[in-house]
């Protein structure tokens, strides 16, 4: 995916890289699941989804400030 984005000159928001570093800062998989996931450990709970959406916004703003517009 990274190569394709580079070859096609397409913006890539690397959520994998961002989440990998953050999730690895937690002491256990249970700690990650408690904050981010439903009991199925596959889907984000509302709190986890809001956090991850915030990461997407940060990545977008860092990559292209024009994508980061405050709506009022």
PDB file of N, CA and C in Angstrom:
ATOM      1  N   UNK A   1       0.823  -1.184   0.000  1.00  0.00           N
ATOM      2  CA  UNK A   1       0.000   0.000   0.000  1.00  0.00           C
ATOM      3  C   UNK A   1       0.872   1.255   0.000  1.00  0.00           C
ATOM      4  N   UNK A   2       1.930   1.222   0.801  1.00  0.00           N
ATOM      5  CA  UNK A   2       2.818   2.385   0.829  1.00  0.00           C
ATOM      6  C   UNK A   2       3.446   2.641  -0.540  1.00  0.00           C
ATOM      7  N   UNK A   3       3.890   1.557  -1.188  1.00  0.00           N
ATOM      8  CA  UNK A   3       4.490   1.698  -2.519  1.00  0.00           C
ATOM      9  C   UNK A   3       3.483   2.231  -3.527  1.00  0.00           C
ATOM     10  N   UNK A   4       2.269   1.715  -3.479  1.00  0.00           N
ATOM     11  CA  UNK A   4       1.235   2.170  -4.398  1.00  0.00           C
ATOM     12  C   UNK A   4       0.947   3.655  -4.198  1.00  0.00           C
ATOM     13  N   UNK A   5       0.820   4.070  -2.952  1.00  0.00           N
ATOM     14  CA  UNK A   5       0.567   5.482  -2.672  1.00  0.00           C
ATOM     15  C   UNK A   5       1.702   6.349  -3.206  1.00  0.00           C
ATOM     16  N   UNK A   6       2.930   5.878  -3.017  1.00  0.00           N
ATOM     17  CA  UNK A   6       4.075   6.630  -3.527  1.00  0.00           C
ATOM     18  C   UNK A   6       4.073   6.659  -5.050  1.00  0.00           C
ATOM     19  N   UNK A   7       3.873   5.495  -5.675  1.00  0.00           N
ATOM     20  CA  UNK A   7       3.875   5.412  -7.137  1.00  0.00           C
ATOM     21  C   UNK A   7       2.784   6.260  -7.771  1.00  0.00           C
ATOM     22  N   UNK A   8       1.624   6.306  -7.132  1.00  0.00           N
ATOM     23  CA  UNK A   8       0.480   7.036  -7.688  1.00  0.00           C
ATOM     24  C   UNK A   8       0.356   8.452  -7.142  1.00  0.00           C
ATOM     25  N   UNK A   9       1.321   8.844  -6.297  1.00  0.00           N
ATOM     26  CA  UNK A   9       1.307  10.169  -5.669  1.00  0.00           C
ATOM     27  C   UNK A   9      -0.019  10.421  -4.950  1.00  0.00           C
ATOM     28  N   UNK A  10      -0.387   9.445  -4.114  1.00  0.00           N
ATOM     29  CA  UNK A  10      -1.629   9.498  -3.350  1.00  0.00           C
ATOM     30  C   UNK A  10      -1.290   9.618  -1.871  1.00  0.00           C
ATOM     31  N   UNK A  11      -1.991  10.470  -1.195  1.00  0.00           N
ATOM     32  CA  UNK A  11      -1.794  10.639   0.235  1.00  0.00           C
ATOM     33  C   UNK A  11      -2.133   9.346   0.969  1.00  0.00           C
ATOM     34  N   UNK A  12      -1.239   8.908   1.842  1.00  0.00           N
ATOM     35  CA  UNK A  12      -1.467   7.731   2.666  1.00  0.00           C
ATOM     36  C   UNK A  12      -1.437   8.152   4.125  1.00  0.00           C
ATOM     37  N   UNK A  13      -2.502   7.892   4.835  1.00  0.00           N
ATOM     38  CA  UNK A  13      -2.538   8.117   6.277  1.00  0.00           C
ATOM     39  C   UNK A  13      -2.228   6.772   6.924  1.00  0.00           C
ATOM     40  N   UNK A  14      -1.034   6.627   7.452  1.00  0.00           N
ATOM     41  CA  UNK A  14      -0.560   5.338   7.938  1.00  0.00           C
ATOM     42  C   UNK A  14      -1.062   5.070   9.359  1.00  0.00           C
ATOM     43  N   UNK A  15      -2.303   4.659   9.432  1.00  0.00           N
ATOM     44  CA  UNK A  15      -2.919   4.365  10.723  1.00  0.00           C
ATOM     45  C   UNK A  15      -2.295   3.126  11.352  1.00  0.00           C
ATOM     46  N   UNK A  16      -1.817   2.206  10.524  1.00  0.00           N
ATOM     47  CA  UNK A  16      -1.136   1.023  11.065  1.00  0.00           C
ATOM     48  C   UNK A  16       0.069   1.446  11.897  1.00  0.00           C
ATOM     49  N   UNK A  17       0.914   2.294  11.326  1.00  0.00           N
ATOM     50  CA  UNK A  17       2.114   2.754  12.023  1.00  0.00           C
ATOM     51  C   UNK A  17       1.751   3.491  13.313  1.00  0.00           C
ATOM     52  N   UNK A  18       0.790   4.379  13.219  1.00  0.00           N
ATOM     53  CA  UNK A  18       0.360   5.163  14.387  1.00  0.00           C
ATOM     54  C   UNK A  18      -0.176   4.256  15.490  1.00  0.00           C
ATOM     55  N   UNK A  19      -1.082   3.363  15.142  1.00  0.00           N
ATOM     56  CA  UNK A  19      -1.698   2.509  16.156  1.00  0.00           C
ATOM     57  C   UNK A  19      -0.703   1.500  16.725  1.00  0.00           C
ATOM     58  N   UNK A  20       0.204   1.007  15.895  1.00  0.00           N
ATOM     59  CA  UNK A  20       1.192   0.037  16.367  1.00  0.00           C
ATOM     60  C   UNK A  20       2.003   0.619  17.518  1.00  0.00           C
ATOM     61  N   UNK A  21       2.476   1.848  17.362  1.00  0.00           N
ATOM     62  CA  UNK A  21       3.281   2.479  18.415  1.00  0.00           C
ATOM     63  C   UNK A  21       2.457   2.716  19.677  1.00  0.00           C
ATOM     64  N   UNK A  22       1.256   3.155  19.523  1.00  0.00           N
ATOM     65  CA  UNK A  22       0.429   3.436  20.695  1.00  0.00           C
ATOM     66  C   UNK A  22       0.021   2.148  21.391  1.00  0.00           C
ATOM     67  N   UNK A  23      -0.455   1.166  20.634  1.00  0.00           N
ATOM     68  CA  UNK A  23      -0.868  -0.095  21.261  1.00  0.00           C
ATOM     69  C   UNK A  23       0.303  -0.786  21.962  1.00  0.00           C
ATOM     70  N   UNK A  24       1.498  -0.647  21.423  1.00  0.00           N
ATOM     71  CA  UNK A  24       2.661  -1.265  22.058  1.00  0.00           C
ATOM     72  C   UNK A  24       3.088  -0.561  23.340  1.00  0.00           C
ATOM     73  N   UNK A  25       2.521   0.591  23.624  1.00  0.00           N
ATOM     74  CA  UNK A  25       2.836   1.267  24.878  1.00  0.00           C
ATOM     75  C   UNK A  25       1.999   0.723  26.036  1.00  0.00           C
ATOM     76  N   UNK A  26       0.988  -0.084  25.729  1.00  0.00           N
ATOM     77  CA  UNK A  26       0.150  -0.693  26.763  1.00  0.00           C
ATOM     78  C   UNK A  26       0.827  -1.964  27.275  1.00  0.00           C
ATOM     79  N   UNK A  27       0.661  -2.276  28.567  1.00  0.00           N
ATOM     80  CA  UNK A  27       1.378  -3.423  29.141  1.00  0.00           C
ATOM     81  C   UNK A  27       0.868  -4.789  28.668  1.00  0.00           C
ATOM     82  N   UNK A  28      -0.426  -4.882  28.319  1.00  0.00           N
ATOM     83  CA  UNK A  28      -0.993  -6.177  27.926  1.00  0.00           C
ATOM     84  C   UNK A  28      -2.069  -5.987  26.865  1.00  0.00           C
ATOM     85  N   UNK A  29      -2.404  -7.097  26.200  1.00  0.00           N
ATOM     86  CA  UNK A  29      -3.515  -7.066  25.247  1.00  0.00           C
ATOM     87  C   UNK A  29      -4.826  -6.758  25.971  1.00  0.00           C
ATOM     88  N   UNK A  30      -4.948  -7.231  27.195  1.00  0.00           N
ATOM     89  CA  UNK A  30      -6.161  -6.952  27.968  1.00  0.00           C
ATOM     90  C   UNK A  30      -6.314  -5.461  28.241  1.00  0.00           C
ATOM     91  N   UNK A  31      -5.209  -4.785  28.487  1.00  0.00           N
ATOM     92  CA  UNK A  31      -5.263  -3.336  28.732  1.00  0.00           C
ATOM     93  C   UNK A  31      -5.718  -2.587  27.480  1.00  0.00           C
ATOM     94  N   UNK A  32      -5.240  -3.035  26.329  1.00  0.00           N
ATOM     95  CA  UNK A  32      -5.663  -2.420  25.068  1.00  0.00           C
ATOM     96  C   UNK A  32      -7.156  -2.662  24.867  1.00  0.00           C
ATOM     97  N   UNK A  33      -7.572  -3.900  25.040  1.00  0.00           N
ATOM     98  CA  UNK A  33      -8.977  -4.262  24.829  1.00  0.00           C
ATOM     99  C   UNK A  33      -9.889  -3.501  25.784  1.00  0.00           C
ATOM    100  N   UNK A  34      -9.464  -3.322  27.018  1.00  0.00           N
ATOM    101  CA  UNK A  34     -10.291  -2.630  28.001  1.00  0.00           C
ATOM    102  C   UNK A  34     -10.574  -1.190  27.577  1.00  0.00           C
ATOM    103  N   UNK A  35      -9.623  -0.566  26.920  1.00  0.00           N
ATOM    104  CA  UNK A  35      -9.806   0.824  26.529  1.00  0.00           C
ATOM    105  C   UNK A  35     -10.458   0.980  25.155  1.00  0.00           C
ATOM    106  N   UNK A  36     -10.173   0.067  24.230  1.00  0.00           N
ATOM    107  CA  UNK A  36     -10.547   0.270  22.839  1.00  0.00           C
ATOM    108  C   UNK A  36     -11.637  -0.641  22.299  1.00  0.00           C
ATOM    109  N   UNK A  37     -11.798  -1.841  22.853  1.00  0.00           N
ATOM    110  CA  UNK A  37     -12.582  -2.859  22.149  1.00  0.00           C
ATOM    111  C   UNK A  37     -13.800  -3.334  22.928  1.00  0.00           C
ATOM    112  N   UNK A  38     -14.749  -3.849  22.157  1.00  0.00           N
ATOM    113  CA  UNK A  38     -15.840  -4.611  22.746  1.00  0.00           C
ATOM    114  C   UNK A  38     -15.283  -5.967  23.192  1.00  0.00           C
ATOM    115  N   UNK A  39     -16.099  -6.764  23.818  1.00  0.00           N
ATOM    116  CA  UNK A  39     -15.656  -8.073  24.286  1.00  0.00           C
ATOM    117  C   UNK A  39     -15.144  -8.969  23.166  1.00  0.00           C
ATOM    118  N   UNK A  40     -15.582  -8.719  21.928  1.00  0.00           N
ATOM    119  CA  UNK A  40     -15.135  -9.559  20.817  1.00  0.00           C
ATOM    120  C   UNK A  40     -13.693  -9.262  20.404  1.00  0.00           C
ATOM    121  N   UNK A  41     -13.128  -8.164  20.914  1.00  0.00           N
ATOM    122  CA  UNK A  41     -11.744  -7.751  20.632  1.00  0.00           C
ATOM    123  C   UNK A  41     -11.475  -7.522  19.147  1.00  0.00           C
ATOM    124  N   UNK A  42     -12.526  -7.403  18.376  1.00  0.00           N
ATOM    125  CA  UNK A  42     -12.392  -7.149  16.948  1.00  0.00           C
ATOM    126  C   UNK A  42     -12.860  -5.753  16.599  1.00  0.00           C
ATOM    127  N   UNK A  43     -13.928  -5.306  17.239  1.00  0.00           N
ATOM    128  CA  UNK A  43     -14.547  -4.022  16.922  1.00  0.00           C
ATOM    129  C   UNK A  43     -14.254  -3.015  18.025  1.00  0.00           C
ATOM    130  N   UNK A  44     -14.052  -1.768  17.619  1.00  0.00           N
ATOM    131  CA  UNK A  44     -13.831  -0.710  18.598  1.00  0.00           C
ATOM    132  C   UNK A  44     -15.125  -0.397  19.329  1.00  0.00           C
ATOM    133  N   UNK A  45     -14.996  -0.144  20.634  1.00  0.00           N
ATOM    134  CA  UNK A  45     -16.131   0.379  21.380  1.00  0.00           C
ATOM    135  C   UNK A  45     -16.222   1.875  21.087  1.00  0.00           C
ATOM    136  N   UNK A  46     -17.273   2.563  21.520  1.00  0.00           N
ATOM    137  CA  UNK A  46     -17.385   3.996  21.190  1.00  0.00           C
ATOM    138  C   UNK A  46     -16.182   4.828  21.633  1.00  0.00           C
ATOM    139  N   UNK A  47     -15.656   4.546  22.814  1.00  0.00           N
ATOM    140  CA  UNK A  47     -14.485   5.297  23.294  1.00  0.00           C
ATOM    141  C   UNK A  47     -13.279   5.031  22.395  1.00  0.00           C
ATOM    142  N   UNK A  48     -13.032   3.767  22.070  1.00  0.00           N
ATOM    143  CA  UNK A  48     -11.910   3.413  21.206  1.00  0.00           C
ATOM    144  C   UNK A  48     -12.051   3.999  19.816  1.00  0.00           C
ATOM    145  N   UNK A  49     -13.267   3.965  19.280  1.00  0.00           N
ATOM    146  CA  UNK A  49     -13.502   4.522  17.943  1.00  0.00           C
ATOM    147  C   UNK A  49     -13.228   6.023  17.920  1.00  0.00           C
ATOM    148  N   UNK A  50     -13.618   6.709  18.980  1.00  0.00           N
ATOM    149  CA  UNK A  50     -13.383   8.151  19.045  1.00  0.00           C
ATOM    150  C   UNK A  50     -11.883   8.451  19.109  1.00  0.00           C
ATOM    151  N   UNK A  51     -11.154   7.657  19.864  1.00  0.00           N
ATOM    152  CA  UNK A  51      -9.704   7.843  19.963  1.00  0.00           C
ATOM    153  C   UNK A  51      -9.042   7.613  18.602  1.00  0.00           C
ATOM    154  N   UNK A  52      -9.403   6.508  17.949  1.00  0.00           N
ATOM    155  CA  UNK A  52      -8.806   6.184  16.649  1.00  0.00           C
ATOM    156  C   UNK A  52      -9.186   7.237  15.607  1.00  0.00           C
ATOM    157  N   UNK A  53     -10.409   7.720  15.631  1.00  0.00           N
ATOM    158  CA  UNK A  53     -10.803   8.792  14.709  1.00  0.00           C
ATOM    159  C   UNK A  53      -9.947  10.035  14.942  1.00  0.00           C
ATOM    160  N   UNK A  54      -9.607  10.288  16.189  1.00  0.00           N
ATOM    161  CA  UNK A  54      -8.715  11.407  16.493  1.00  0.00           C
ATOM    162  C   UNK A  54      -7.334  11.221  15.887  1.00  0.00           C
ATOM    163  N   UNK A  55      -6.847   9.979  15.879  1.00  0.00           N
ATOM    164  CA  UNK A  55      -5.556   9.701  15.241  1.00  0.00           C
ATOM    165  C   UNK A  55      -5.624   9.983  13.752  1.00  0.00           C
ATOM    166  N   UNK A  56      -6.743   9.602  13.121  1.00  0.00           N
ATOM    167  CA  UNK A  56      -6.912   9.853  11.687  1.00  0.00           C
ATOM    168  C   UNK A  56      -6.876  11.359  11.427  1.00  0.00           C
ATOM    169  N   UNK A  57      -7.545  12.113  12.271  1.00  0.00           N
ATOM    170  CA  UNK A  57      -7.548  13.574  12.104  1.00  0.00           C
ATOM    171  C   UNK A  57      -6.138  14.138  12.251  1.00  0.00           C
ATOM    172  N   UNK A  58      -5.411  13.685  13.244  1.00  0.00           N
ATOM    173  CA  UNK A  58      -4.042  14.166  13.436  1.00  0.00           C
ATOM    174  C   UNK A  58      -3.182  13.842  12.215  1.00  0.00           C
ATOM    175  N   UNK A  59      -3.265  12.602  11.729  1.00  0.00           N
ATOM    176  CA  UNK A  59      -2.486  12.214  10.553  1.00  0.00           C
ATOM    177  C   UNK A  59      -2.853  13.066   9.344  1.00  0.00           C
ATOM    178  N   UNK A  60      -4.144  13.320   9.146  1.00  0.00           N
ATOM    179  CA  UNK A  60      -4.583  14.140   8.018  1.00  0.00           C
ATOM    180  C   UNK A  60      -4.061  15.563   8.149  1.00  0.00           C
ATOM    181  N   UNK A  61      -4.141  16.115   9.335  1.00  0.00           N
ATOM    182  CA  UNK A  61      -3.680  17.490   9.548  1.00  0.00           C
ATOM    183  C   UNK A  61      -2.176  17.615   9.362  1.00  0.00           C
ATOM    184  N   UNK A  62      -1.434  16.586   9.823  1.00  0.00           N
ATOM    185  CA  UNK A  62       0.014  16.611   9.643  1.00  0.00           C
ATOM    186  C   UNK A  62       0.390  16.482   8.167  1.00  0.00           C
ATOM    187  N   UNK A  63      -0.344  15.651   7.443  1.00  0.00           N
ATOM    188  CA  UNK A  63      -0.023  15.396   6.042  1.00  0.00           C
ATOM    189  C   UNK A  63      -0.420  16.551   5.130  1.00  0.00           C
ATOM    190  N   UNK A  64      -1.541  17.162   5.438  1.00  0.00           N
ATOM    191  CA  UNK A  64      -2.051  18.231   4.578  1.00  0.00           C
ATOM    192  C   UNK A  64      -2.939  19.153   5.392  1.00  0.00           C
ATOM    193  N   UNK A  65      -2.407  20.265   5.849  1.00  0.00           N
ATOM    194  CA  UNK A  65      -3.205  21.190   6.647  1.00  0.00           C
ATOM    195  C   UNK A  65      -4.531  21.589   5.978  1.00  0.00           C
ATOM    196  N   UNK A  66      -4.597  21.552   4.669  1.00  0.00           N
ATOM    197  CA  UNK A  66      -5.830  21.900   3.973  1.00  0.00           C
ATOM    198  C   UNK A  66      -6.950  20.904   4.299  1.00  0.00           C
ATOM    199  N   UNK A  67      -6.579  19.673   4.685  1.00  0.00           N
ATOM    200  CA  UNK A  67      -7.576  18.682   5.071  1.00  0.00           C
ATOM    201  C   UNK A  67      -8.111  18.929   6.473  1.00  0.00           C
ATOM    202  N   UNK A  68      -7.415  19.731   7.226  1.00  0.00           N
ATOM    203  CA  UNK A  68      -7.764  19.950   8.626  1.00  0.00           C
ATOM    204  C   UNK A  68      -8.433  21.299   8.780  1.00  0.00           C
ATOM    205  N   UNK A  69      -9.710  21.304   8.521  1.00  0.00           N
ATOM    206  CA  UNK A  69     -10.496  22.537   8.587  1.00  0.00           C
ATOM    207  C   UNK A  69     -11.480  22.404   9.737  1.00  0.00           C
ATOM    208  N   UNK A  70     -11.535  23.415  10.552  1.00  0.00           N
ATOM    209  CA  UNK A  70     -12.497  23.429  11.651  1.00  0.00           C
ATOM    210  C   UNK A  70     -13.854  23.891  11.134  1.00  0.00           C
ATOM    211  N   UNK A  71     -14.848  23.101  11.371  1.00  0.00           N
ATOM    212  CA  UNK A  71     -16.215  23.461  10.974  1.00  0.00           C
ATOM    213  C   UNK A  71     -16.938  24.043  12.162  1.00  0.00           C
ATOM    214  N   UNK A  72     -17.658  25.111  11.925  1.00  0.00           N
ATOM    215  CA  UNK A  72     -18.398  25.747  13.027  1.00  0.00           C
ATOM    216  C   UNK A  72     -19.864  25.729  12.739  1.00  0.00           C
TER     217      UNK A  72
END
